[in-house]
Amino acid sequence: MANPFEFLQQVRSEATKVVWPSRRETLITTGMVLLMVVFTSVFFLVVDEALRVAVSLALGLGRGH
């Protein structure tokens, strides 16, 4: 087991190897995630409404009486 000083040196050494994304890459990735969230939300809204209509018709609640 390494002593605390060696451990901190190793942590610092490993931290220098981290490659951080650029500002542009971060913005593009964030935009793609937000776009996928919107598409997924719309998809589930449409599916939910279609299932609601199908169940209502199947139970006879869509007759209006």
Protein backbone atom coordinates (compact mmCIF):
# COMPACT_ATOMS: atom_id res chain seq x y z
CA MET A 1 0.00 0.00 0.00
CA ALA A 2 1.37 3.41 -0.98
CA ASN A 3 1.73 6.13 1.59
CA PRO A 4 -0.57 9.18 1.32
CA PHE A 5 2.11 11.32 -0.35
CA GLU A 6 2.67 8.74 -3.12
CA PHE A 7 -1.07 8.33 -3.51
CA LEU A 8 -1.54 12.07 -4.06
CA GLN A 9 1.30 12.08 -6.59
CA GLN A 10 -0.37 9.24 -8.47
CA VAL A 11 -3.72 11.02 -8.40
CA ARG A 12 -2.13 14.19 -9.76
CA SER A 13 -0.35 12.17 -12.46
CA GLU A 14 -3.59 10.49 -13.54
CA ALA A 15 -5.50 13.78 -13.46
CA THR A 16 -3.09 15.28 -16.00
CA LYS A 17 -4.09 12.49 -18.44
CA VAL A 18 -7.75 13.53 -18.47
CA VAL A 19 -8.85 15.01 -21.80
CA TRP A 20 -11.61 17.56 -21.24
CA PRO A 21 -14.03 18.32 -24.09
CA SER A 22 -13.85 21.72 -25.72
CA ARG A 23 -16.56 24.30 -25.20
CA ARG A 24 -17.88 23.60 -28.71
CA GLU A 25 -18.04 19.84 -28.10
CA THR A 26 -19.87 20.43 -24.82
CA LEU A 27 -22.43 22.73 -26.45
CA ILE A 28 -23.03 20.32 -29.36
CA THR A 29 -23.48 17.37 -27.00
CA THR A 30 -25.82 19.37 -24.76
CA GLY A 31 -27.88 20.43 -27.77
CA MET A 32 -28.14 16.85 -29.00
CA VAL A 33 -29.29 15.64 -25.59
CA LEU A 34 -31.96 18.36 -25.39
CA LEU A 35 -33.13 17.54 -28.93
CA MET A 36 -33.43 13.84 -28.08
CA VAL A 37 -35.39 14.71 -24.91
CA VAL A 38 -37.88 16.74 -26.99
CA PHE A 39 -38.25 13.97 -29.60
CA THR A 40 -38.68 11.32 -26.92
CA SER A 41 -41.27 13.43 -25.08
CA VAL A 42 -43.30 13.98 -28.25
CA PHE A 43 -43.08 10.28 -29.13
CA PHE A 44 -44.39 9.18 -25.74
CA LEU A 45 -47.12 11.85 -25.83
CA VAL A 46 -48.35 10.51 -29.18
CA VAL A 47 -48.17 6.87 -28.04
CA ASP A 48 -49.96 7.69 -24.78
CA GLU A 49 -52.78 9.48 -26.59
CA ALA A 50 -53.13 6.67 -29.14
CA LEU A 51 -53.36 4.08 -26.36
CA ARG A 52 -55.87 6.24 -24.47
CA VAL A 53 -58.11 6.43 -27.55
CA ALA A 54 -57.74 2.71 -28.24
CA VAL A 55 -58.64 1.74 -24.67
CA SER A 56 -61.59 4.16 -24.62
CA LEU A 57 -62.94 2.66 -27.84
CA ALA A 58 -62.34 -0.89 -26.61
CA LEU A 59 -64.28 -0.20 -23.41
CA GLY A 60 -67.12 1.46 -25.26
CA LEU A 61 -66.55 4.83 -23.69
CA GLY A 62 -66.04 6.47 -27.09
CA ARG A 63 -69.74 6.23 -28.08
CA GLY A 64 -70.65 9.50 -26.40
CA HIS A 65 -73.57 8.08 -24.40
